[in-house]
Amino acid sequence: MKILVINGPNLNLTGRRQPEIYGSRTMDDIIATLRHDCPEVTIDYFQSNCEGAIIDRLHEAGFGGEYAGIALNAGAYTHTSLAIADAIAAIGTPVVEIHLSNIAAREEIRHRSLIAPVCRGTIAGFGELSYRLAVEAIMKF
């Protein structure tokens, strides 16, 4: 089984950017732990700060039949990108929305997710465990 993890803008700064919100471990550490803890799954990883690149990767993964699912942390695009929501709605591969922080407990602008209605589910607020929970959910689809 293969699962794709996609991260959006500024998640490349995890471990350095606001560690009180996003944690002190780098995304490389988080993905390495995820791969270690889930050896029965091949986990591919993609990160981009560019909306179009994320959409292109969703298209590639979503129509190829290669992945059982996609775990997507769209970062701030969660709240602003109708284009990413449209891409998720267009593909056949299930997508789980994930967030390190509890977006419902943050600034009001972060309370609304444009991608949630087209995702299979949402996992938020569990720090790096959010990624593991998303992988486990996809494994059960």
N, C-alpha and C. Protein backbone atom coordinates (compact mmCIF):
# COMPACT_ATOMS: atom_id res chain seq x y z
N MET A 1 0.84 -1.18 0.00
CA MET A 1 0.00 0.00 0.00
C MET A 1 0.88 1.24 0.00
N LYS A 2 0.47 2.22 -0.81
CA LYS A 2 1.19 3.48 -0.88
C LYS A 2 0.27 4.63 -0.48
N ILE A 3 0.83 5.54 0.30
CA ILE A 3 0.11 6.73 0.74
C ILE A 3 1.00 7.93 0.45
N LEU A 4 0.39 8.98 -0.03
CA LEU A 4 1.11 10.23 -0.30
C LEU A 4 0.77 11.26 0.77
N VAL A 5 1.79 11.85 1.35
CA VAL A 5 1.62 12.97 2.27
C VAL A 5 2.00 14.23 1.51
N ILE A 6 1.09 15.18 1.47
CA ILE A 6 1.36 16.47 0.82
C ILE A 6 1.25 17.56 1.89
N ASN A 7 2.26 18.40 1.93
CA ASN A 7 2.26 19.56 2.82
C ASN A 7 2.31 20.84 2.01
N GLY A 8 1.57 21.82 2.48
CA GLY A 8 1.51 23.11 1.83
C GLY A 8 2.48 24.12 2.40
N PRO A 9 2.16 25.40 2.23
CA PRO A 9 3.08 26.47 2.53
C PRO A 9 3.51 26.54 4.00
N ASN A 10 4.78 26.81 4.15
CA ASN A 10 5.46 27.05 5.42
C ASN A 10 5.66 25.81 6.28
N LEU A 11 5.14 24.68 5.84
CA LEU A 11 5.35 23.46 6.63
C LEU A 11 6.79 22.95 6.51
N ASN A 12 7.52 23.46 5.54
CA ASN A 12 8.96 23.18 5.48
C ASN A 12 9.70 23.84 6.64
N LEU A 13 9.05 24.75 7.33
CA LEU A 13 9.66 25.45 8.47
C LEU A 13 9.30 24.82 9.81
N THR A 14 8.57 23.71 9.77
CA THR A 14 8.18 23.03 11.01
C THR A 14 9.42 22.71 11.83
N GLY A 15 9.34 22.98 13.10
CA GLY A 15 10.48 22.81 14.00
C GLY A 15 11.19 24.13 14.28
N ARG A 16 11.02 25.08 13.38
CA ARG A 16 11.61 26.42 13.55
C ARG A 16 10.55 27.49 13.68
N ARG A 17 9.43 27.30 13.02
CA ARG A 17 8.35 28.30 12.99
C ARG A 17 7.37 28.02 14.12
N GLN A 18 7.22 28.96 15.00
CA GLN A 18 6.24 28.90 16.09
C GLN A 18 6.14 27.49 16.70
N PRO A 19 7.22 27.02 17.33
CA PRO A 19 7.21 25.66 17.89
C PRO A 19 6.13 25.45 18.95
N GLU A 20 5.67 26.52 19.58
CA GLU A 20 4.59 26.38 20.56
C GLU A 20 3.27 25.97 19.89
N ILE A 21 3.15 26.20 18.60
CA ILE A 21 1.96 25.81 17.84
C ILE A 21 2.22 24.54 17.03
N TYR A 22 3.36 24.52 16.33
CA TYR A 22 3.62 23.47 15.36
C TYR A 22 4.61 22.40 15.84
N GLY A 23 5.15 22.55 17.03
CA GLY A 23 6.08 21.57 17.56
C GLY A 23 7.52 21.91 17.24
N SER A 24 8.42 21.20 17.88
CA SER A 24 9.85 21.50 17.75
C SER A 24 10.58 20.53 16.83
N ARG A 25 9.89 19.50 16.35
CA ARG A 25 10.53 18.55 15.43
C ARG A 25 10.36 19.02 14.00
N THR A 26 11.36 18.74 13.19
CA THR A 26 11.28 19.13 11.78
C THR A 26 10.34 18.18 11.04
N MET A 27 9.90 18.61 9.88
CA MET A 27 9.04 17.75 9.07
C MET A 27 9.80 16.52 8.60
N ASP A 28 11.10 16.66 8.34
CA ASP A 28 11.90 15.48 7.98
C ASP A 28 11.86 14.46 9.11
N ASP A 29 11.95 14.92 10.35
CA ASP A 29 11.87 14.01 11.51
C ASP A 29 10.49 13.37 11.60
N ILE A 30 9.46 14.16 11.39
CA ILE A 30 8.09 13.65 11.48
C ILE A 30 7.83 12.59 10.42
N ILE A 31 8.26 12.84 9.19
CA ILE A 31 8.05 11.87 8.11
C ILE A 31 8.89 10.62 8.35
N ALA A 32 10.12 10.77 8.84
CA ALA A 32 10.95 9.61 9.15
C ALA A 32 10.31 8.73 10.23
N THR A 33 9.76 9.36 11.26
CA THR A 33 9.07 8.62 12.32
C THR A 33 7.84 7.91 11.76
N LEU A 34 7.11 8.59 10.91
CA LEU A 34 5.92 8.00 10.29
C LEU A 34 6.30 6.76 9.48
N ARG A 35 7.35 6.86 8.70
CA ARG A 35 7.81 5.71 7.91
C ARG A 35 8.27 4.57 8.81
N HIS A 36 8.94 4.91 9.89
CA HIS A 36 9.41 3.90 10.84
C HIS A 36 8.24 3.20 11.53
N ASP A 37 7.24 3.99 11.94
CA ASP A 37 6.11 3.44 12.69
C ASP A 37 5.10 2.70 11.82
N CYS A 38 5.15 2.92 10.53
CA CYS A 38 4.20 2.29 9.59
C CYS A 38 4.97 1.56 8.49
N PRO A 39 5.77 0.55 8.83
CA PRO A 39 6.63 -0.10 7.83
C PRO A 39 5.85 -0.85 6.75
N GLU A 40 4.59 -1.15 7.01
CA GLU A 40 3.79 -1.87 6.03
C GLU A 40 3.27 -0.98 4.91
N VAL A 41 3.53 0.32 5.02
CA VAL A 41 3.06 1.29 4.05
C VAL A 41 4.26 2.01 3.44
N THR A 42 4.21 2.21 2.14
CA THR A 42 5.18 3.09 1.49
C THR A 42 4.62 4.50 1.55
N ILE A 43 5.37 5.39 2.18
CA ILE A 43 4.91 6.77 2.33
C ILE A 43 5.77 7.68 1.47
N ASP A 44 5.15 8.26 0.47
CA ASP A 44 5.82 9.27 -0.35
C ASP A 44 5.48 10.63 0.22
N TYR A 45 6.39 11.58 0.01
CA TYR A 45 6.21 12.90 0.62
C TYR A 45 6.46 13.99 -0.40
N PHE A 46 5.61 15.01 -0.35
CA PHE A 46 5.75 16.18 -1.23
C PHE A 46 5.38 17.42 -0.44
N GLN A 47 6.18 18.47 -0.60
CA GLN A 47 5.88 19.76 0.04
C GLN A 47 6.12 20.86 -0.96
N SER A 48 5.22 21.83 -0.96
CA SER A 48 5.42 23.01 -1.80
C SER A 48 4.76 24.22 -1.15
N ASN A 49 5.38 25.35 -1.35
CA ASN A 49 4.79 26.61 -0.93
C ASN A 49 3.90 27.20 -2.03
N CYS A 50 3.84 26.52 -3.17
CA CYS A 50 3.13 27.03 -4.34
C CYS A 50 1.83 26.27 -4.57
N GLU A 51 0.74 26.99 -4.61
CA GLU A 51 -0.58 26.41 -4.79
C GLU A 51 -0.66 25.54 -6.04
N GLY A 52 -0.16 26.04 -7.15
CA GLY A 52 -0.22 25.29 -8.41
C GLY A 52 0.52 23.97 -8.35
N ALA A 53 1.66 23.95 -7.67
CA ALA A 53 2.42 22.70 -7.55
C ALA A 53 1.66 21.67 -6.72
N ILE A 54 0.96 22.13 -5.71
CA ILE A 54 0.15 21.22 -4.89
C ILE A 54 -0.99 20.65 -5.74
N ILE A 55 -1.63 21.49 -6.52
CA ILE A 55 -2.71 21.04 -7.40
C ILE A 55 -2.18 20.04 -8.42
N ASP A 56 -1.05 20.34 -9.03
CA ASP A 56 -0.45 19.41 -9.99
C ASP A 56 -0.16 18.05 -9.36
N ARG A 57 0.35 18.05 -8.12
CA ARG A 57 0.66 16.79 -7.45
C ARG A 57 -0.61 16.04 -7.09
N LEU A 58 -1.65 16.74 -6.67
CA LEU A 58 -2.94 16.10 -6.42
C LEU A 58 -3.47 15.43 -7.70
N HIS A 59 -3.37 16.12 -8.83
CA HIS A 59 -3.82 15.55 -10.10
C HIS A 59 -3.03 14.29 -10.43
N GLU A 60 -1.72 14.37 -10.33
CA GLU A 60 -0.86 13.22 -10.65
C GLU A 60 -1.21 12.01 -9.78
N ALA A 61 -1.32 12.25 -8.49
CA ALA A 61 -1.57 11.15 -7.55
C ALA A 61 -3.01 10.69 -7.60
N GLY A 62 -3.91 11.59 -7.86
CA GLY A 62 -5.33 11.28 -7.78
C GLY A 62 -5.91 10.54 -8.94
N PHE A 63 -5.22 10.55 -10.08
CA PHE A 63 -5.71 9.84 -11.25
C PHE A 63 -4.84 8.65 -11.61
N GLY A 64 -3.71 8.50 -10.93
CA GLY A 64 -2.77 7.45 -11.30
C GLY A 64 -3.09 6.07 -10.76
N GLY A 65 -3.92 5.97 -9.72
CA GLY A 65 -4.23 4.68 -9.13
C GLY A 65 -3.11 4.09 -8.30
N GLU A 66 -2.06 4.85 -8.12
CA GLU A 66 -0.87 4.38 -7.39
C GLU A 66 -1.07 4.42 -5.88
N TYR A 67 -1.88 5.37 -5.40
CA TYR A 67 -2.01 5.62 -3.96
C TYR A 67 -3.36 5.18 -3.42
N ALA A 68 -3.33 4.61 -2.23
CA ALA A 68 -4.56 4.25 -1.52
C ALA A 68 -5.24 5.50 -0.98
N GLY A 69 -4.45 6.53 -0.72
CA GLY A 69 -4.99 7.77 -0.20
C GLY A 69 -3.93 8.84 -0.10
N ILE A 70 -4.40 10.04 0.16
CA ILE A 70 -3.52 11.20 0.29
C ILE A 70 -3.82 11.87 1.62
N ALA A 71 -2.79 12.13 2.40
CA ALA A 71 -2.90 12.91 3.63
C ALA A 71 -2.42 14.31 3.28
N LEU A 72 -3.30 15.28 3.39
CA LEU A 72 -3.00 16.64 2.93
C LEU A 72 -3.08 17.64 4.07
N ASN A 73 -1.95 18.29 4.33
CA ASN A 73 -1.93 19.46 5.21
C ASN A 73 -1.71 20.65 4.28
N ALA A 74 -2.78 21.28 3.90
CA ALA A 74 -2.70 22.37 2.94
C ALA A 74 -2.25 23.68 3.57
N GLY A 75 -1.96 23.67 4.88
CA GLY A 75 -1.52 24.88 5.55
C GLY A 75 -2.57 25.97 5.39
N ALA A 76 -2.12 27.19 5.18
CA ALA A 76 -3.04 28.32 5.05
C ALA A 76 -3.94 28.22 3.83
N TYR A 77 -3.53 27.43 2.82
CA TYR A 77 -4.41 27.23 1.66
C TYR A 77 -5.71 26.53 2.05
N THR A 78 -5.72 25.86 3.18
CA THR A 78 -6.95 25.24 3.69
C THR A 78 -8.09 26.24 3.72
N HIS A 79 -7.77 27.46 4.08
CA HIS A 79 -8.77 28.50 4.35
C HIS A 79 -9.00 29.44 3.17
N THR A 80 -8.19 29.27 2.11
CA THR A 80 -8.25 30.25 1.02
C THR A 80 -8.36 29.66 -0.37
N SER A 81 -8.08 28.37 -0.54
CA SER A 81 -7.91 27.85 -1.90
C SER A 81 -9.10 27.02 -2.38
N LEU A 82 -9.95 27.68 -3.12
CA LEU A 82 -11.03 26.98 -3.80
C LEU A 82 -10.43 26.09 -4.89
N ALA A 83 -9.30 26.50 -5.44
CA ALA A 83 -8.65 25.72 -6.49
C ALA A 83 -8.17 24.36 -5.97
N ILE A 84 -7.62 24.32 -4.76
CA ILE A 84 -7.21 23.05 -4.18
C ILE A 84 -8.44 22.21 -3.85
N ALA A 85 -9.49 22.83 -3.35
CA ALA A 85 -10.74 22.11 -3.08
C ALA A 85 -11.29 21.49 -4.37
N ASP A 86 -11.26 22.25 -5.45
CA ASP A 86 -11.73 21.73 -6.73
C ASP A 86 -10.88 20.55 -7.21
N ALA A 87 -9.58 20.63 -6.99
CA ALA A 87 -8.68 19.53 -7.39
C ALA A 87 -9.01 18.27 -6.60
N ILE A 88 -9.23 18.42 -5.30
CA ILE A 88 -9.57 17.26 -4.46
C ILE A 88 -10.89 16.65 -4.92
N ALA A 89 -11.88 17.50 -5.22
CA ALA A 89 -13.18 17.01 -5.66
C ALA A 89 -13.09 16.28 -7.00
N ALA A 90 -12.12 16.64 -7.82
CA ALA A 90 -12.00 16.07 -9.16
C ALA A 90 -11.33 14.70 -9.18
N ILE A 91 -10.50 14.41 -8.19
CA ILE A 91 -9.71 13.17 -8.23
C ILE A 91 -10.46 12.01 -7.60
N GLY A 92 -10.00 10.81 -7.92
CA GLY A 92 -10.64 9.63 -7.38
C GLY A 92 -10.03 9.11 -6.09
N THR A 93 -8.82 9.50 -5.80
CA THR A 93 -8.13 9.03 -4.60
C THR A 93 -8.65 9.78 -3.38
N PRO A 94 -8.99 9.06 -2.29
CA PRO A 94 -9.49 9.75 -1.09
C PRO A 94 -8.41 10.61 -0.43
N VAL A 95 -8.83 11.75 0.08
CA VAL A 95 -7.93 12.70 0.73
C VAL A 95 -8.39 12.91 2.17
N VAL A 96 -7.44 12.87 3.09
CA VAL A 96 -7.70 13.18 4.49
C VAL A 96 -7.01 14.51 4.78
N GLU A 97 -7.78 15.47 5.24
CA GLU A 97 -7.24 16.77 5.63
C GLU A 97 -6.59 16.64 7.01
N ILE A 98 -5.37 17.15 7.15
CA ILE A 98 -4.69 17.09 8.45
C ILE A 98 -4.09 18.43 8.81
N HIS A 99 -3.99 18.64 10.12
CA HIS A 99 -3.35 19.85 10.66
C HIS A 99 -2.63 19.49 11.95
N LEU A 100 -1.48 20.09 12.14
CA LEU A 100 -0.74 19.91 13.39
C LEU A 100 -1.49 20.55 14.56
N SER A 101 -2.01 21.75 14.32
CA SER A 101 -2.69 22.49 15.38
C SER A 101 -4.20 22.29 15.27
N ASN A 102 -4.90 22.65 16.33
CA ASN A 102 -6.36 22.61 16.33
C ASN A 102 -6.85 23.91 15.70
N ILE A 103 -7.17 23.85 14.42
CA ILE A 103 -7.52 25.09 13.71
C ILE A 103 -8.80 25.72 14.25
N ALA A 104 -9.66 24.93 14.87
CA ALA A 104 -10.89 25.48 15.45
C ALA A 104 -10.63 26.31 16.70
N ALA A 105 -9.46 26.13 17.29
CA ALA A 105 -9.11 26.87 18.51
C ALA A 105 -8.18 28.05 18.22
N ARG A 106 -7.97 28.33 16.96
CA ARG A 106 -7.05 29.40 16.59
C ARG A 106 -7.83 30.62 16.09
N GLU A 107 -7.16 31.49 15.36
CA GLU A 107 -7.79 32.71 14.86
C GLU A 107 -9.03 32.36 14.04
N GLU A 108 -10.01 33.24 14.07
CA GLU A 108 -11.29 32.98 13.42
C GLU A 108 -11.13 32.64 11.94
N ILE A 109 -10.21 33.27 11.25
CA ILE A 109 -10.03 33.01 9.82
C ILE A 109 -9.65 31.55 9.56
N ARG A 110 -9.06 30.89 10.56
CA ARG A 110 -8.65 29.48 10.40
C ARG A 110 -9.78 28.50 10.75
N HIS A 111 -10.91 29.00 11.18
CA HIS A 111 -12.00 28.11 11.57
C HIS A 111 -12.70 27.47 10.37
N ARG A 112 -12.65 28.11 9.23
CA ARG A 112 -13.34 27.61 8.04
C ARG A 112 -12.34 26.94 7.10
N SER A 113 -12.63 25.72 6.76
CA SER A 113 -11.83 24.98 5.80
C SER A 113 -12.60 24.86 4.49
N LEU A 114 -11.98 25.34 3.41
CA LEU A 114 -12.60 25.19 2.09
C LEU A 114 -12.43 23.77 1.56
N ILE A 115 -11.45 23.04 2.09
CA ILE A 115 -11.21 21.70 1.57
C ILE A 115 -11.95 20.61 2.34
N ALA A 116 -12.37 20.87 3.56
CA ALA A 116 -13.03 19.85 4.38
C ALA A 116 -14.23 19.20 3.68
N PRO A 117 -15.10 19.96 3.02
CA PRO A 117 -16.27 19.34 2.40
C PRO A 117 -15.95 18.31 1.31
N VAL A 118 -14.75 18.37 0.74
CA VAL A 118 -14.40 17.44 -0.34
C VAL A 118 -13.37 16.39 0.10
N CYS A 119 -13.03 16.41 1.39
CA CYS A 119 -12.11 15.42 1.95
C CYS A 119 -12.90 14.31 2.62
N ARG A 120 -12.28 13.16 2.73
CA ARG A 120 -12.91 12.01 3.39
C ARG A 120 -13.11 12.29 4.88
N GLY A 121 -12.19 13.04 5.48
CA GLY A 121 -12.27 13.39 6.88
C GLY A 121 -11.19 14.39 7.22
N THR A 122 -11.23 14.86 8.46
CA THR A 122 -10.27 15.85 8.95
C THR A 122 -9.71 15.40 10.29
N ILE A 123 -8.39 15.52 10.42
CA ILE A 123 -7.72 15.24 11.68
C ILE A 123 -6.89 16.47 12.03
N ALA A 124 -7.13 17.05 13.19
CA ALA A 124 -6.45 18.29 13.55
C ALA A 124 -6.20 18.35 15.05
N GLY A 125 -5.09 18.98 15.39
CA GLY A 125 -4.84 19.30 16.79
C GLY A 125 -4.01 18.30 17.56
N PHE A 126 -3.52 17.27 16.90
CA PHE A 126 -2.76 16.24 17.60
C PHE A 126 -1.27 16.31 17.31
N GLY A 127 -0.80 17.48 16.84
CA GLY A 127 0.62 17.61 16.52
C GLY A 127 1.01 16.61 15.46
N GLU A 128 2.22 16.08 15.58
CA GLU A 128 2.69 15.15 14.56
C GLU A 128 1.87 13.87 14.53
N LEU A 129 1.18 13.54 15.61
CA LEU A 129 0.31 12.37 15.62
C LEU A 129 -0.81 12.49 14.59
N SER A 130 -1.17 13.70 14.20
CA SER A 130 -2.19 13.89 13.17
C SER A 130 -1.82 13.15 11.89
N TYR A 131 -0.53 13.13 11.55
CA TYR A 131 -0.07 12.44 10.34
C TYR A 131 -0.26 10.93 10.50
N ARG A 132 0.10 10.40 11.63
CA ARG A 132 -0.03 8.96 11.88
C ARG A 132 -1.51 8.56 11.85
N LEU A 133 -2.37 9.35 12.46
CA LEU A 133 -3.80 9.05 12.46
C LEU A 133 -4.37 9.07 11.05
N ALA A 134 -3.90 9.97 10.22
CA ALA A 134 -4.36 10.02 8.83
C ALA A 134 -3.93 8.78 8.07
N VAL A 135 -2.70 8.36 8.25
CA VAL A 135 -2.21 7.14 7.60
C VAL A 135 -3.02 5.94 8.06
N GLU A 136 -3.26 5.84 9.36
CA GLU A 136 -4.04 4.71 9.87
C GLU A 136 -5.46 4.72 9.32
N ALA A 137 -6.05 5.89 9.19
CA ALA A 137 -7.39 5.98 8.61
C ALA A 137 -7.38 5.52 7.15
N ILE A 138 -6.42 5.98 6.38
CA ILE A 138 -6.34 5.60 4.96
C ILE A 138 -6.14 4.09 4.83
N MET A 139 -5.37 3.50 5.72
CA MET A 139 -5.14 2.06 5.67
C MET A 139 -6.44 1.27 5.84
N LYS A 140 -7.44 1.86 6.46
CA LYS A 140 -8.70 1.18 6.72
C LYS A 140 -9.77 1.45 5.65
N PHE A 141 -9.48 2.32 4.70
CA PHE A 141 -10.46 2.62 3.63
C PHE A 141 -10.69 1.39 2.78
